[in-house]
C-alpha atoms as a PDB file:
ATOM      1  CA  MET A   1     127.133-117.851-237.533  1.00  0.00           C
ATOM      2  CA  ILE A   2     128.334-117.648-233.947  1.00  0.00           C
ATOM      3  CA  ALA A   3     126.677-115.711-231.158  1.00  0.00           C
ATOM      4  CA  ARG A   4     128.731-115.154-228.023  1.00  0.00           C
ATOM      5  CA  LEU A   5     127.131-114.763-224.632  1.00  0.00           C
ATOM      6  CA  GLY A   6     129.247-114.910-221.581  1.00  0.00           C
ATOM      7  CA  SER A   7     130.739-113.906-218.302  1.00  0.00           C
ATOM      8  CA  ALA A   8     134.314-113.605-217.146  1.00  0.00           C
ATOM      9  CA  SER A   9     134.434-117.285-216.295  1.00  0.00           C
ATOM     10  CA  LEU A  10     132.548-119.004-219.087  1.00  0.00           C
ATOM     11  CA  ALA A  11     131.043-118.143-222.446  1.00  0.00           C
ATOM     12  CA  ALA A  12     128.179-119.943-224.115  1.00  0.00           C
ATOM     13  CA  VAL A  13     128.508-120.114-227.846  1.00  0.00           C
ATOM     14  CA  VAL A  14     125.577-120.981-230.045  1.00  0.00           C
ATOM     15  CA  VAL A  15     126.596-122.430-233.388  1.00  0.00           C
ATOM     16  CA  LEU A  16     124.135-122.725-236.245  1.00  0.00           C
ATOM     17  CA  SER A  17     124.969-125.796-238.310  1.00  0.00           C
ATOM     18  CA  GLY A  18     124.337-126.170-242.023  1.00  0.00           C
ATOM     19  CA  SER A  19     120.920-127.627-241.305  1.00  0.00           C
ATOM     20  CA  GLY A  20     120.005-124.639-239.186  1.00  0.00           C
ATOM     21  CA  ALA A  21     120.052-126.613-235.943  1.00  0.00           C
ATOM     22  CA  ALA A  22     121.656-124.910-232.995  1.00  0.00           C
ATOM     23  CA  ARG A  23     124.099-126.577-230.659  1.00  0.00           C
ATOM     24  CA  ALA A  24     125.716-125.163-227.534  1.00  0.00           C
ATOM     25  CA  VAL A  25     129.496-125.262-227.231  1.00  0.00           C
ATOM     26  CA  SER A  26     131.333-124.500-224.001  1.00  0.00           C
ATOM     27  CA  VAL A  27     134.031-121.932-224.660  1.00  0.00           C
ATOM     28  CA  GLN A  28     136.613-120.976-222.083  1.00  0.00           C
ATOM     29  CA  PRO A  29     138.221-117.565-221.579  1.00  0.00           C
ATOM     30  CA  VAL A  30     141.959-117.596-222.217  1.00  0.00           C
ATOM     31  CA  PRO A  31     143.864-118.239-218.968  1.00  0.00           C
ATOM     32  CA  GLU A  32     146.085-115.649-217.338  1.00  0.00           C
ATOM     33  CA  ILE A  33     148.636-118.078-215.880  1.00  0.00           C
ATOM     34  CA  MET A  34     149.339-121.595-217.095  1.00  0.00           C
ATOM     35  CA  ALA A  35     151.548-124.252-215.535  1.00  0.00           C
ATOM     36  CA  ALA A  36     153.001-127.491-216.865  1.00  0.00           C
ATOM     37  CA  LEU A  37     153.009-130.360-214.380  1.00  0.00           C
ATOM     38  CA  GLY A  38     154.553-133.783-214.785  1.00  0.00           C
ATOM     39  CA  ASP A  39     157.874-135.424-215.520  1.00  0.00           C
ATOM     40  CA  SER A  40     160.807-135.025-217.910  1.00  0.00           C
ATOM     41  CA  ILE A  41     158.597-135.109-221.006  1.00  0.00           C
ATOM     42  CA  SER A  42     157.023-131.797-219.994  1.00  0.00           C
ATOM     43  CA  THR A  43     160.410-130.236-219.188  1.00  0.00           C
ATOM     44  CA  GLY A  44     161.585-130.891-222.751  1.00  0.00           C
ATOM     45  CA  PHE A  45     164.360-133.134-221.451  1.00  0.00           C
ATOM     46  CA  ASN A  46     166.993-133.928-224.106  1.00  0.00           C
ATOM     47  CA  ALA A  47     165.145-131.908-226.749  1.00  0.00           C
ATOM     48  CA  CYS A  48     167.976-129.405-227.166  1.00  0.00           C
ATOM     49  CA  GLY A  49     171.095-130.945-225.694  1.00  0.00           C
ATOM     50  CA  LEU A  50     172.746-133.790-223.844  1.00  0.00           C
ATOM     51  CA  TYR A  51     170.868-134.765-220.669  1.00  0.00           C
ATOM     52  CA  VAL A  52     169.432-131.339-219.907  1.00  0.00           C
ATOM     53  CA  SER A  53     165.894-130.053-219.587  1.00  0.00           C
ATOM     54  CA  CYS A  54     164.819-127.684-222.354  1.00  0.00           C
ATOM     55  CA  PRO A  55     161.697-125.984-220.962  1.00  0.00           C
ATOM     56  CA  SER A  56     161.537-123.681-223.976  1.00  0.00           C
ATOM     57  CA  ARG A  57     160.701-126.787-226.043  1.00  0.00           C
ATOM     58  CA  SER A  58     158.032-128.151-223.736  1.00  0.00           C
ATOM     59  CA  TRP A  59     154.842-129.175-225.560  1.00  0.00           C
ATOM     60  CA  SER A  60     152.921-127.405-222.832  1.00  0.00           C
ATOM     61  CA  SER A  61     154.587-124.206-221.666  1.00  0.00           C
ATOM     62  CA  GLY A  62     157.540-123.740-224.016  1.00  0.00           C
ATOM     63  CA  ASP A  63     158.170-120.658-226.131  1.00  0.00           C
ATOM     64  CA  ASN A  64     160.087-122.289-228.998  1.00  0.00           C
ATOM     65  CA  ARG A  65     158.359-121.580-232.308  1.00  0.00           C
ATOM     66  CA  GLU A  66     159.250-125.001-233.731  1.00  0.00           C
ATOM     67  CA  VAL A  67     157.179-126.694-231.037  1.00  0.00           C
ATOM     68  CA  SER A  68     154.178-124.332-231.064  1.00  0.00           C
ATOM     69  CA  SER A  69     153.175-125.264-227.533  1.00  0.00           C
ATOM     70  CA  HIS A  70     149.896-124.667-225.744  1.00  0.00           C
ATOM     71  CA  TYR A  71     151.465-121.509-224.347  1.00  0.00           C
ATOM     72  CA  LEU A  72     152.343-120.069-227.743  1.00  0.00           C
ATOM     73  CA  ARG A  73     148.968-120.977-229.234  1.00  0.00           C
ATOM     74  CA  LEU A  74     147.142-119.352-226.338  1.00  0.00           C
ATOM     75  CA  SER A  75     149.444-116.343-226.467  1.00  0.00           C
ATOM     76  CA  ARG A  76     148.156-115.636-229.960  1.00  0.00           C
ATOM     77  CA  LEU A  77     144.756-115.105-228.348  1.00  0.00           C
ATOM     78  CA  SER A  78     146.062-113.172-225.367  1.00  0.00           C
ATOM     79  CA  GLY A  79     149.384-111.428-225.086  1.00  0.00           C
ATOM     80  CA  THR A  80     149.206-111.348-221.282  1.00  0.00           C
ATOM     81  CA  LEU A  81     149.461-115.092-220.569  1.00  0.00           C
ATOM     82  CA  HIS A  82     152.251-116.125-218.187  1.00  0.00           C
ATOM     83  CA  ASN A  83     153.855-119.578-218.516  1.00  0.00           C
ATOM     84  CA  LEU A  84     155.278-121.626-215.658  1.00  0.00           C
ATOM     85  CA  ASN A  85     156.774-125.102-215.608  1.00  0.00           C
ATOM     86  CA  PHE A  86     156.728-127.098-212.384  1.00  0.00           C
ATOM     87  CA  ALA A  87     157.395-130.473-214.026  1.00  0.00           C
ATOM     88  CA  VAL A  88     160.503-132.285-212.780  1.00  0.00           C
ATOM     89  CA  PRO A  89     162.465-135.070-214.517  1.00  0.00           C
ATOM     90  CA  GLY A  90     161.953-138.411-212.827  1.00  0.00           C
ATOM     91  CA  SER A  91     158.652-137.444-211.239  1.00  0.00           C
ATOM     92  CA  THR A  92     155.993-140.063-210.625  1.00  0.00           C
ATOM     93  CA  SER A  93     152.377-139.696-209.610  1.00  0.00           C
ATOM     94  CA  ALA A  94     153.653-139.389-206.020  1.00  0.00           C
ATOM     95  CA  ASP A  95     155.148-136.001-206.906  1.00  0.00           C
ATOM     96  CA  LEU A  96     152.051-134.542-208.550  1.00  0.00           C
ATOM     97  CA  LEU A  97     150.529-133.170-205.350  1.00  0.00           C
ATOM     98  CA  GLY A  98     153.627-131.097-204.627  1.00  0.00           C
ATOM     99  CA  GLN A  99     153.583-129.678-208.137  1.00  0.00           C
ATOM    100  CA  VAL A 100     149.889-128.832-207.825  1.00  0.00           C
ATOM    101  CA  LYS A 101     150.600-126.934-204.617  1.00  0.00           C
ATOM    102  CA  LYS A 102     153.142-124.825-206.506  1.00  0.00           C
ATOM    103  CA  ALA A 103     150.593-124.183-209.251  1.00  0.00           C
ATOM    104  CA  VAL A 104     148.013-123.112-206.671  1.00  0.00           C
ATOM    105  CA  GLU A 105     150.525-120.807-205.006  1.00  0.00           C
ATOM    106  CA  ALA A 106     151.232-119.262-208.411  1.00  0.00           C
ATOM    107  CA  LYS A 107     147.474-118.897-209.024  1.00  0.00           C
ATOM    108  CA  ALA A 108     147.625-120.865-212.261  1.00  0.00           C
ATOM    109  CA  ASP A 109     144.182-121.030-213.853  1.00  0.00           C
ATOM    110  CA  TYR A 110     145.216-123.569-216.514  1.00  0.00           C
ATOM    111  CA  VAL A 111     147.382-126.597-215.811  1.00  0.00           C
ATOM    112  CA  THR A 112     148.504-129.401-218.078  1.00  0.00           C
ATOM    113  CA  ILE A 113     149.369-132.786-216.623  1.00  0.00           C
ATOM    114  CA  LEU A 114     151.371-135.597-218.177  1.00  0.00           C
ATOM    115  CA  ILE A 115     152.403-138.052-215.487  1.00  0.00           C
ATOM    116  CA  GLY A 116     152.800-141.810-215.250  1.00  0.00           C
ATOM    117  CA  ALA A 117     155.593-142.904-217.575  1.00  0.00           C
ATOM    118  CA  GLN A 118     157.953-143.042-214.607  1.00  0.00           C
ATOM    119  CA  ASP A 119     155.399-145.024-212.617  1.00  0.00           C
ATOM    120  CA  ALA A 120     155.797-147.775-215.223  1.00  0.00           C
ATOM    121  CA  CYS A 121     159.441-147.217-216.231  1.00  0.00           C
ATOM    122  CA  VAL A 122     161.181-148.802-213.260  1.00  0.00           C
ATOM    123  CA  ARG A 123     163.640-151.631-212.773  1.00  0.00           C
ATOM    124  CA  THR A 124     161.104-154.408-212.239  1.00  0.00           C
ATOM    125  CA  GLU A 125     157.418-155.007-212.829  1.00  0.00           C
ATOM    126  CA  GLN A 126     156.898-155.417-209.094  1.00  0.00           C
ATOM    127  CA  ALA A 127     158.107-151.847-208.579  1.00  0.00           C
ATOM    128  CA  MET A 128     155.491-150.314-210.891  1.00  0.00           C
ATOM    129  CA  THR A 129     152.949-148.122-209.130  1.00  0.00           C
ATOM    130  CA  PRO A 130     149.704-150.025-208.481  1.00  0.00           C
ATOM    131  CA  VAL A 131     146.802-148.689-210.530  1.00  0.00           C
ATOM    132  CA  SER A 132     144.726-147.939-207.442  1.00  0.00           C
ATOM    133  CA  THR A 133     147.596-145.951-205.936  1.00  0.00           C
ATOM    134  CA  TYR A 134     148.061-144.010-209.165  1.00  0.00           C
ATOM    135  CA  ARG A 135     144.380-143.072-209.209  1.00  0.00           C
ATOM    136  CA  ALA A 136     144.335-142.092-205.547  1.00  0.00           C
ATOM    137  CA  ARG A 137     147.282-139.768-206.104  1.00  0.00           C
ATOM    138  CA  LEU A 138     145.577-138.085-209.050  1.00  0.00           C
ATOM    139  CA  ASP A 139     142.384-137.607-207.065  1.00  0.00           C
ATOM    140  CA  ARG A 140     144.279-136.094-204.146  1.00  0.00           C
ATOM    141  CA  ALA A 141     146.133-133.688-206.445  1.00  0.00           C
ATOM    142  CA  LEU A 142     142.937-132.617-208.193  1.00  0.00           C
ATOM    143  CA  GLN A 143     141.220-132.078-204.860  1.00  0.00           C
ATOM    144  CA  GLU A 144     144.064-129.789-203.849  1.00  0.00           C
ATOM    145  CA  LEU A 145     143.758-127.874-207.096  1.00  0.00           C
ATOM    146  CA  ARG A 146     139.991-127.491-206.769  1.00  0.00           C
ATOM    147  CA  SER A 147     140.370-126.286-203.185  1.00  0.00           C
ATOM    148  CA  GLY A 148     143.086-123.769-203.980  1.00  0.00           C
ATOM    149  CA  MET A 149     142.016-122.649-207.469  1.00  0.00           C
ATOM    150  CA  PRO A 150     138.322-123.515-207.919  1.00  0.00           C
ATOM    151  CA  GLY A 151     138.158-122.073-211.418  1.00  0.00           C
ATOM    152  CA  ALA A 152     141.268-123.763-212.775  1.00  0.00           C
ATOM    153  CA  ARG A 153     141.043-125.626-216.073  1.00  0.00           C
ATOM    154  CA  VAL A 154     142.938-128.937-216.308  1.00  0.00           C
ATOM    155  CA  PHE A 155     144.237-130.845-219.291  1.00  0.00           C
ATOM    156  CA  PHE A 156     145.495-134.443-219.070  1.00  0.00           C
ATOM    157  CA  ALA A 157     147.764-135.773-221.806  1.00  0.00           C
ATOM    158  CA  SER A 158     147.862-139.545-222.124  1.00  0.00           C
ATOM    159  CA  ILE A 159     151.069-141.435-221.393  1.00  0.00           C
ATOM    160  CA  PRO A 160     152.806-142.491-224.622  1.00  0.00           C
ATOM    161  CA  ASP A 161     152.726-146.134-225.712  1.00  0.00           C
ATOM    162  CA  LEU A 162     156.034-147.480-224.415  1.00  0.00           C
ATOM    163  CA  ARG A 163     155.724-150.680-226.432  1.00  0.00           C
ATOM    164  CA  ARG A 164     155.492-148.624-229.617  1.00  0.00           C
ATOM    165  CA  LEU A 165     158.822-147.058-228.652  1.00  0.00           C
ATOM    166  CA  TRP A 166     160.311-150.526-228.184  1.00  0.00           C
ATOM    167  CA  ARG A 167     159.057-151.587-231.608  1.00  0.00           C
ATOM    168  CA  ALA A 168     160.426-148.435-233.232  1.00  0.00           C
ATOM    169  CA  GLY A 169     163.908-148.865-231.786  1.00  0.00           C
ATOM    170  CA  LYS A 170     164.490-152.551-231.139  1.00  0.00           C
ATOM    171  CA  ASP A 171     166.286-153.054-234.462  1.00  0.00           C
ATOM    172  CA  ASN A 172     168.378-149.895-234.142  1.00  0.00           C
ATOM    173  CA  PRO A 173     171.836-150.603-232.624  1.00  0.00           C
ATOM    174  CA  LEU A 174     172.194-147.097-231.196  1.00  0.00           C
ATOM    175  CA  ALA A 175     168.788-147.180-229.545  1.00  0.00           C
ATOM    176  CA  ARG A 176     169.486-150.571-228.022  1.00  0.00           C
ATOM    177  CA  SER A 177     172.844-149.364-226.731  1.00  0.00           C
ATOM    178  CA  PHE A 178     171.375-146.291-225.051  1.00  0.00           C
ATOM    179  CA  TRP A 179     168.561-148.302-223.506  1.00  0.00           C
ATOM    180  CA  THR A 180     170.940-150.932-222.161  1.00  0.00           C
ATOM    181  CA  LEU A 181     173.819-148.747-220.966  1.00  0.00           C
ATOM    182  CA  GLY A 182     171.479-146.151-219.486  1.00  0.00           C
ATOM    183  CA  ARG A 183     169.130-148.763-218.028  1.00  0.00           C
ATOM    184  CA  ILE A 184     166.260-146.800-219.498  1.00  0.00           C
ATOM    185  CA  CYS A 185     162.729-148.029-218.735  1.00  0.00           C
ATOM    186  CA  GLN A 186     163.868-151.544-218.040  1.00  0.00           C
ATOM    187  CA  THR A 187     160.378-152.904-217.518  1.00  0.00           C
ATOM    188  CA  MET A 188     159.755-152.340-221.228  1.00  0.00           C
ATOM    189  CA  LEU A 189     163.153-151.918-222.866  1.00  0.00           C
ATOM    190  CA  ALA A 190     165.297-154.576-221.192  1.00  0.00           C
ATOM    191  CA  LYS A 191     166.461-157.307-223.565  1.00  0.00           C
ATOM    192  CA  PRO A 192     165.099-155.388-226.564  1.00  0.00           C
ATOM    193  CA  ARG A 193     165.854-158.093-229.152  1.00  0.00           C
ATOM    194  CA  SER A 194     164.501-160.989-227.130  1.00  0.00           C
ATOM    195  CA  ALA A 195     161.597-162.860-228.688  1.00  0.00           C
ATOM    196  CA  LYS A 196     161.185-165.174-225.714  1.00  0.00           C
ATOM    197  CA  ARG A 197     157.656-165.654-224.462  1.00  0.00           C
ATOM    198  CA  ALA A 198     158.487-164.295-221.021  1.00  0.00           C
ATOM    199  CA  ASP A 199     159.814-161.051-222.480  1.00  0.00           C
ATOM    200  CA  LYS A 200     156.854-160.664-224.823  1.00  0.00           C
ATOM    201  CA  GLN A 201     154.489-161.145-221.914  1.00  0.00           C
ATOM    202  CA  ARG A 202     156.455-158.668-219.779  1.00  0.00           C
ATOM    203  CA  ARG A 203     156.143-155.987-222.453  1.00  0.00           C
ATOM    204  CA  SER A 204     152.437-156.679-222.809  1.00  0.00           C
ATOM    205  CA  ARG A 205     151.890-156.353-219.074  1.00  0.00           C
ATOM    206  CA  VAL A 206     153.762-153.050-218.904  1.00  0.00           C
ATOM    207  CA  ARG A 207     151.713-151.743-221.818  1.00  0.00           C
ATOM    208  CA  GLU A 208     148.524-152.834-220.053  1.00  0.00           C
ATOM    209  CA  ARG A 209     149.645-150.957-216.947  1.00  0.00           C
ATOM    210  CA  VAL A 210     150.168-147.764-218.956  1.00  0.00           C
ATOM    211  CA  MET A 211     146.740-148.223-220.534  1.00  0.00           C
ATOM    212  CA  ALA A 212     145.251-148.646-217.070  1.00  0.00           C
ATOM    213  CA  TYR A 213     146.939-145.425-215.902  1.00  0.00           C
ATOM    214  CA  ASN A 214     145.465-143.606-218.885  1.00  0.00           C
ATOM    215  CA  ARG A 215     141.989-144.956-218.139  1.00  0.00           C
ATOM    216  CA  GLU A 216     142.207-143.849-214.529  1.00  0.00           C
ATOM    217  CA  ALA A 217     143.475-140.406-215.523  1.00  0.00           C
ATOM    218  CA  ALA A 218     140.456-140.042-217.814  1.00  0.00           C
ATOM    219  CA  ARG A 219     138.125-141.112-215.011  1.00  0.00           C
ATOM    220  CA  ALA A 220     139.753-138.743-212.530  1.00  0.00           C
ATOM    221  CA  CYS A 221     139.356-135.961-215.086  1.00  0.00           C
ATOM    222  CA  ALA A 222     135.680-136.807-215.598  1.00  0.00           C
ATOM    223  CA  ALA A 223     135.156-136.741-211.837  1.00  0.00           C
ATOM    224  CA  TYR A 224     136.756-133.272-211.715  1.00  0.00           C
ATOM    225  CA  GLY A 225     134.013-132.030-214.001  1.00  0.00           C
ATOM    226  CA  PRO A 226     133.641-129.881-217.130  1.00  0.00           C
ATOM    227  CA  SER A 227     136.759-127.882-216.296  1.00  0.00           C
ATOM    228  CA  CYS A 228     138.908-130.896-217.179  1.00  0.00           C
ATOM    229  CA  ARG A 229     139.787-132.327-220.577  1.00  0.00           C
ATOM    230  CA  THR A 230     141.897-135.242-221.807  1.00  0.00           C
ATOM    231  CA  ASP A 231     143.417-135.964-225.191  1.00  0.00           C
ATOM    232  CA  GLY A 232     141.191-139.014-225.566  1.00  0.00           C
ATOM    233  CA  GLY A 233     144.246-141.246-225.864  1.00  0.00           C
ATOM    234  CA  ALA A 234     145.674-139.289-228.811  1.00  0.00           C
ATOM    235  CA  VAL A 235     149.257-139.275-227.526  1.00  0.00           C
ATOM    236  CA  PHE A 236     149.130-142.964-226.631  1.00  0.00           C
ATOM    237  CA  SER A 237     147.760-143.841-230.078  1.00  0.00           C
ATOM    238  CA  PHE A 238     150.034-141.621-232.165  1.00  0.00           C
ATOM    239  CA  PRO A 239     152.265-143.708-234.504  1.00  0.00           C
ATOM    240  CA  PHE A 240     155.529-142.032-233.555  1.00  0.00           C
ATOM    241  CA  THR A 241     158.872-143.160-234.967  1.00  0.00           C
ATOM    242  CA  LEU A 242     162.501-142.674-234.013  1.00  0.00           C
ATOM    243  CA  ASP A 243     162.313-139.333-235.825  1.00  0.00           C
ATOM    244  CA  HIS A 244     160.226-138.132-232.896  1.00  0.00           C
ATOM    245  CA  VAL A 245     162.663-139.111-230.122  1.00  0.00           C
ATOM    246  CA  SER A 246     165.898-137.558-228.951  1.00  0.00           C
ATOM    247  CA  LYS A 247     169.086-139.035-230.342  1.00  0.00           C
ATOM    248  CA  TRP A 248     170.667-138.397-226.948  1.00  0.00           C
ATOM    249  CA  ASP A 249     168.770-141.299-225.368  1.00  0.00           C
ATOM    250  CA  TYR A 250     166.221-142.668-227.872  1.00  0.00           C
ATOM    251  CA  PHE A 251     163.553-142.258-225.243  1.00  0.00           C
ATOM    252  CA  HIS A 252     162.479-138.660-224.654  1.00  0.00           C
ATOM    253  CA  PRO A 253     160.695-136.633-227.342  1.00  0.00           C
ATOM    254  CA  SER A 254     162.890-134.594-229.656  1.00  0.00           C
ATOM    255  CA  THR A 255     161.847-131.132-230.805  1.00  0.00           C
ATOM    256  CA  ALA A 256     159.813-132.860-233.514  1.00  0.00           C
ATOM    257  CA  GLY A 257     158.281-135.128-230.881  1.00  0.00           C
ATOM    258  CA  GLN A 258     157.407-132.181-228.652  1.00  0.00           C
ATOM    259  CA  ARG A 259     155.721-130.535-231.627  1.00  0.00           C
ATOM    260  CA  VAL A 260     153.604-133.650-232.184  1.00  0.00           C
ATOM    261  CA  LEU A 261     152.665-133.682-228.494  1.00  0.00           C
ATOM    262  CA  ALA A 262     151.568-130.052-228.739  1.00  0.00           C
ATOM    263  CA  GLU A 263     149.524-130.689-231.881  1.00  0.00           C
ATOM    264  CA  GLN A 264     147.823-133.836-230.613  1.00  0.00           C
ATOM    265  CA  THR A 265     146.951-132.447-227.201  1.00  0.00           C
ATOM    266  CA  TYR A 266     145.868-128.936-228.174  1.00  0.00           C
ATOM    267  CA  ALA A 267     143.502-130.338-230.802  1.00  0.00           C
ATOM    268  CA  HIS A 268     141.666-132.271-228.062  1.00  0.00           C
ATOM    269  CA  GLY A 269     141.655-129.529-225.468  1.00  0.00           C
ATOM    270  CA  PHE A 270     139.367-126.642-224.635  1.00  0.00           C
ATOM    271  CA  ASP A 271     137.621-124.338-227.055  1.00  0.00           C
ATOM    272  CA  TRP A 272     139.152-121.012-226.086  1.00  0.00           C
ATOM    273  CA  LEU A 273     137.348-117.717-226.494  1.00  0.00           C
ATOM    274  CA  ASP A 274     139.254-115.296-228.713  1.00  0.00           C
ATOM    275  CA  PRO A 275     138.875-111.932-226.925  1.00  0.00           C
ATOM    276  CA  ARG A 276     139.875-109.906-229.998  1.00  0.00           C
END
């Protein structure tokens, strides 16, 4: 049995469990405008063609039925939701503030953020964004969002495990060729077949940096307050395979990969109030 009590901004739901004990669950009203922020993953890059963004297949704001994005799932609850995508391929945490400003200008009351892969995927380890800098950039962006849209809900998706990608593709000749010729994420994917200690340690350090970014994103989200959620590391921990990555570069999520991102993130997000 569920009793709904609420206002326009927040509903309190009392759920009676099988034992008869009541527990309060925070339920959010469906947003009116949502915006995807981040890098090429959130633009659906290479999910529908050769080196192009495919926003319709974005895990966050896309309208492709195969993906079943946050936007489509929320649209089933409200037919008036508008979807925007301010993510840009190649973006790092340094670009997040500018994207947030666009979301504020558009009056987005729900934003999804997936940012940080490009902070780690650079030419050298020395060029990776320091963890403290990454965190400071997130805090600044969230401050801007809170100032411009105080009621906005925020969802952080964790950065995928880049070492898992290396393990999935290191024995595939096509994957290795794309990684090498395209110089894709060289901090992790350079010399993909090397078993030398230095290369093993390099991959471990890059993975640790991504894990540190994810920890700081979770802490920044917690500091933002109850209007922020994370996926609890679900994307990072998901055992994806080459079936989930684009065959155009063996790096970005394919349509199947975008669908997994949508499933894993939505399941860890807000409890939305069905207005019907």
